[in-house]
Amino acid sequence: MVNSRALDERRQVFVWIGRCVAALSQGRLVQLRWPGGEAIIKQTQR
């Protein structure tokens, strides 16, 4: 039996990781929200 909520949470994490990688590769100010609700802000240095 598949837990659809667990799959949905995993999908959210993958989407967040994808956004993070894309933003970091572009070298801009990154402000993303983790599914848990914490805001993560990172300034990339080039």
PDB file of N, CA and C in Angstrom:
ATOM      1  N   MET A   1       0.837  -1.201   0.000  1.00  0.00           N
ATOM      2  CA  MET A   1       0.000   0.000   0.000  1.00  0.00           C
ATOM      3  C   MET A   1       0.874   1.253   0.000  1.00  0.00           C
ATOM      4  N   VAL A   2       0.522   2.200  -0.851  1.00  0.00           N
ATOM      5  CA  VAL A   2       1.359   3.392  -1.020  1.00  0.00           C
ATOM      6  C   VAL A   2       0.787   4.544  -0.207  1.00  0.00           C
ATOM      7  N   ASN A   3       1.662   5.193   0.531  1.00  0.00           N
ATOM      8  CA  ASN A   3       1.241   6.362   1.305  1.00  0.00           C
ATOM      9  C   ASN A   3       1.374   7.591   0.415  1.00  0.00           C
ATOM     10  N   SER A   4       0.249   8.088  -0.072  1.00  0.00           N
ATOM     11  CA  SER A   4       0.286   9.201  -1.026  1.00  0.00           C
ATOM     12  C   SER A   4       0.825  10.474  -0.376  1.00  0.00           C
ATOM     13  N   ARG A   5       0.593  10.633   0.915  1.00  0.00           N
ATOM     14  CA  ARG A   5       1.111  11.838   1.575  1.00  0.00           C
ATOM     15  C   ARG A   5       2.639  11.820   1.612  1.00  0.00           C
ATOM     16  N   ALA A   6       3.224  10.658   1.910  1.00  0.00           N
ATOM     17  CA  ALA A   6       4.683  10.558   1.933  1.00  0.00           C
ATOM     18  C   ALA A   6       5.254  10.845   0.548  1.00  0.00           C
ATOM     19  N   LEU A   7       4.597  10.321  -0.488  1.00  0.00           N
ATOM     20  CA  LEU A   7       5.072  10.582  -1.845  1.00  0.00           C
ATOM     21  C   LEU A   7       4.960  12.062  -2.184  1.00  0.00           C
ATOM     22  N   ASP A   8       3.878  12.698  -1.751  1.00  0.00           N
ATOM     23  CA  ASP A   8       3.694  14.118  -2.028  1.00  0.00           C
ATOM     24  C   ASP A   8       4.760  14.949  -1.325  1.00  0.00           C
ATOM     25  N   GLU A   9       5.084  14.599  -0.076  1.00  0.00           N
ATOM     26  CA  GLU A   9       6.128  15.323   0.651  1.00  0.00           C
ATOM     27  C   GLU A   9       7.476  15.130  -0.025  1.00  0.00           C
ATOM     28  N   ARG A  10       7.741  13.907  -0.497  1.00  0.00           N
ATOM     29  CA  ARG A  10       9.005  13.646  -1.174  1.00  0.00           C
ATOM     30  C   ARG A  10       9.088  14.462  -2.457  1.00  0.00           C
ATOM     31  N   ARG A  11       7.966  14.555  -3.173  1.00  0.00           N
ATOM     32  CA  ARG A  11       7.944  15.342  -4.404  1.00  0.00           C
ATOM     33  C   ARG A  11       8.226  16.810  -4.095  1.00  0.00           C
ATOM     34  N   GLN A  12       7.660  17.328  -2.989  1.00  0.00           N
ATOM     35  CA  GLN A  12       7.909  18.721  -2.591  1.00  0.00           C
ATOM     36  C   GLN A  12       9.398  18.940  -2.331  1.00  0.00           C
ATOM     37  N   VAL A  13      10.032  17.976  -1.673  1.00  0.00           N
ATOM     38  CA  VAL A  13      11.466  18.097  -1.384  1.00  0.00           C
ATOM     39  C   VAL A  13      12.267  18.126  -2.682  1.00  0.00           C
ATOM     40  N   PHE A  14      11.911  17.252  -3.635  1.00  0.00           N
ATOM     41  CA  PHE A  14      12.636  17.242  -4.905  1.00  0.00           C
ATOM     42  C   PHE A  14      12.457  18.551  -5.663  1.00  0.00           C
ATOM     43  N   VAL A  15      11.237  19.100  -5.631  1.00  0.00           N
ATOM     44  CA  VAL A  15      10.993  20.390  -6.285  1.00  0.00           C
ATOM     45  C   VAL A  15      11.843  21.475  -5.636  1.00  0.00           C
ATOM     46  N   TRP A  16      11.904  21.464  -4.288  1.00  0.00           N
ATOM     47  CA  TRP A  16      12.682  22.471  -3.563  1.00  0.00           C
ATOM     48  C   TRP A  16      14.169  22.351  -3.903  1.00  0.00           C
ATOM     49  N   ILE A  17      14.670  21.107  -3.927  1.00  0.00           N
ATOM     50  CA  ILE A  17      16.080  20.882  -4.263  1.00  0.00           C
ATOM     51  C   ILE A  17      16.364  21.366  -5.682  1.00  0.00           C
ATOM     52  N   GLY A  18      15.452  21.069  -6.603  1.00  0.00           N
ATOM     53  CA  GLY A  18      15.637  21.517  -7.984  1.00  0.00           C
ATOM     54  C   GLY A  18      15.712  23.032  -8.085  1.00  0.00           C
ATOM     55  N   ARG A  19      14.841  23.723  -7.351  1.00  0.00           N
ATOM     56  CA  ARG A  19      14.870  25.191  -7.357  1.00  0.00           C
ATOM     57  C   ARG A  19      16.163  25.709  -6.763  1.00  0.00           C
ATOM     58  N   CYS A  20      16.600  25.073  -5.677  1.00  0.00           N
ATOM     59  CA  CYS A  20      17.826  25.504  -5.007  1.00  0.00           C
ATOM     60  C   CYS A  20      19.024  25.361  -5.934  1.00  0.00           C
ATOM     61  N   VAL A  21      19.141  24.209  -6.593  1.00  0.00           N
ATOM     62  CA  VAL A  21      20.256  23.965  -7.509  1.00  0.00           C
ATOM     63  C   VAL A  21      20.228  24.956  -8.667  1.00  0.00           C
ATOM     64  N   ALA A  22      19.039  25.193  -9.229  1.00  0.00           N
ATOM     65  CA  ALA A  22      18.925  26.127 -10.351  1.00  0.00           C
ATOM     66  C   ALA A  22      19.334  27.532  -9.926  1.00  0.00           C
ATOM     67  N   ALA A  23      18.876  27.971  -8.762  1.00  0.00           N
ATOM     68  CA  ALA A  23      19.197  29.315  -8.293  1.00  0.00           C
ATOM     69  C   ALA A  23      20.685  29.441  -7.976  1.00  0.00           C
ATOM     70  N   LEU A  24      21.255  28.413  -7.349  1.00  0.00           N
ATOM     71  CA  LEU A  24      22.681  28.456  -7.028  1.00  0.00           C
ATOM     72  C   LEU A  24      23.523  28.479  -8.297  1.00  0.00           C
ATOM     73  N   SER A  25      23.118  27.719  -9.311  1.00  0.00           N
ATOM     74  CA  SER A  25      23.892  27.671 -10.546  1.00  0.00           C
ATOM     75  C   SER A  25      23.845  29.013 -11.273  1.00  0.00           C
ATOM     76  N   GLN A  26      22.796  29.801 -11.036  1.00  0.00           N
ATOM     77  CA  GLN A  26      22.709  31.125 -11.643  1.00  0.00           C
ATOM     78  C   GLN A  26      23.426  32.179 -10.802  1.00  0.00           C
ATOM     79  N   GLY A  27      23.792  31.819  -9.569  1.00  0.00           N
ATOM     80  CA  GLY A  27      24.582  32.714  -8.733  1.00  0.00           C
ATOM     81  C   GLY A  27      23.835  33.941  -8.237  1.00  0.00           C
ATOM     82  N   ARG A  28      22.526  33.830  -8.010  1.00  0.00           N
ATOM     83  CA  ARG A  28      21.814  34.992  -7.483  1.00  0.00           C
ATOM     84  C   ARG A  28      21.419  34.776  -6.039  1.00  0.00           C
ATOM     85  N   LEU A  29      20.802  35.808  -5.470  1.00  0.00           N
ATOM     86  CA  LEU A  29      20.303  35.688  -4.103  1.00  0.00           C
ATOM     87  C   LEU A  29      19.203  34.639  -4.078  1.00  0.00           C
ATOM     88  N   VAL A  30      19.347  33.703  -3.178  1.00  0.00           N
ATOM     89  CA  VAL A  30      18.404  32.592  -3.117  1.00  0.00           C
ATOM     90  C   VAL A  30      17.538  32.752  -1.874  1.00  0.00           C
ATOM     91  N   GLN A  31      16.248  32.778  -2.079  1.00  0.00           N
ATOM     92  CA  GLN A  31      15.327  32.774  -0.940  1.00  0.00           C
ATOM     93  C   GLN A  31      14.263  31.732  -1.234  1.00  0.00           C
ATOM     94  N   LEU A  32      14.360  30.609  -0.536  1.00  0.00           N
ATOM     95  CA  LEU A  32      13.453  29.491  -0.776  1.00  0.00           C
ATOM     96  C   LEU A  32      12.786  29.103   0.531  1.00  0.00           C
ATOM     97  N   ARG A  33      11.637  28.501   0.418  1.00  0.00           N
ATOM     98  CA  ARG A  33      10.944  28.035   1.620  1.00  0.00           C
ATOM     99  C   ARG A  33      10.957  26.511   1.660  1.00  0.00           C
ATOM    100  N   TRP A  34      11.515  25.986   2.732  1.00  0.00           N
ATOM    101  CA  TRP A  34      11.507  24.541   2.941  1.00  0.00           C
ATOM    102  C   TRP A  34      10.081  24.120   3.267  1.00  0.00           C
ATOM    103  N   PRO A  35       9.648  22.921   2.821  1.00  0.00           N
ATOM    104  CA  PRO A  35       8.292  22.450   3.115  1.00  0.00           C
ATOM    105  C   PRO A  35       7.936  22.490   4.604  1.00  0.00           C
ATOM    106  N   GLY A  36       8.928  22.424   5.476  1.00  0.00           N
ATOM    107  CA  GLY A  36       8.660  22.499   6.908  1.00  0.00           C
ATOM    108  C   GLY A  36       8.269  23.896   7.365  1.00  0.00           C
ATOM    109  N   GLY A  37       8.515  24.911   6.534  1.00  0.00           N
ATOM    110  CA  GLY A  37       8.097  26.263   6.859  1.00  0.00           C
ATOM    111  C   GLY A  37       9.251  27.212   7.133  1.00  0.00           C
ATOM    112  N   GLU A  38      10.474  26.698   7.237  1.00  0.00           N
ATOM    113  CA  GLU A  38      11.605  27.576   7.496  1.00  0.00           C
ATOM    114  C   GLU A  38      12.009  28.292   6.218  1.00  0.00           C
ATOM    115  N   ALA A  39      12.340  29.552   6.349  1.00  0.00           N
ATOM    116  CA  ALA A  39      12.838  30.296   5.196  1.00  0.00           C
ATOM    117  C   ALA A  39      14.358  30.164   5.179  1.00  0.00           C
ATOM    118  N   ILE A  40      14.884  29.855   4.008  1.00  0.00           N
ATOM    119  CA  ILE A  40      16.332  29.710   3.870  1.00  0.00           C
ATOM    120  C   ILE A  40      16.811  30.770   2.889  1.00  0.00           C
ATOM    121  N   ILE A  41      17.724  31.606   3.339  1.00  0.00           N
ATOM    122  CA  ILE A  41      18.247  32.668   2.484  1.00  0.00           C
ATOM    123  C   ILE A  41      19.754  32.462   2.364  1.00  0.00           C
ATOM    124  N   LYS A  42      20.236  32.433   1.149  1.00  0.00           N
ATOM    125  CA  LYS A  42      21.655  32.205   0.935  1.00  0.00           C
ATOM    126  C   LYS A  42      22.168  33.168  -0.126  1.00  0.00           C
ATOM    127  N   GLN A  43      23.263  33.824   0.160  1.00  0.00           N
ATOM    128  CA  GLN A  43      23.874  34.725  -0.814  1.00  0.00           C
ATOM    129  C   GLN A  43      25.039  33.975  -1.447  1.00  0.00           C
ATOM    130  N   THR A  44      24.991  33.843  -2.758  1.00  0.00           N
ATOM    131  CA  THR A  44      26.067  33.132  -3.442  1.00  0.00           C
ATOM    132  C   THR A  44      27.144  34.121  -3.850  1.00  0.00           C
ATOM    133  N   GLN A  45      28.389  33.697  -3.731  1.00  0.00           N
ATOM    134  CA  GLN A  45      29.527  34.544  -4.087  1.00  0.00           C
ATOM    135  C   GLN A  45      30.120  34.026  -5.387  1.00  0.00           C
ATOM    136  N   ARG A  46      30.291  34.928  -6.336  1.00  0.00           N
ATOM    137  CA  ARG A  46      30.905  34.529  -7.607  1.00  0.00           C
ATOM    138  C   ARG A  46      32.205  35.278  -7.762  1.00  0.00           C
TER     139      ARG A  46
END
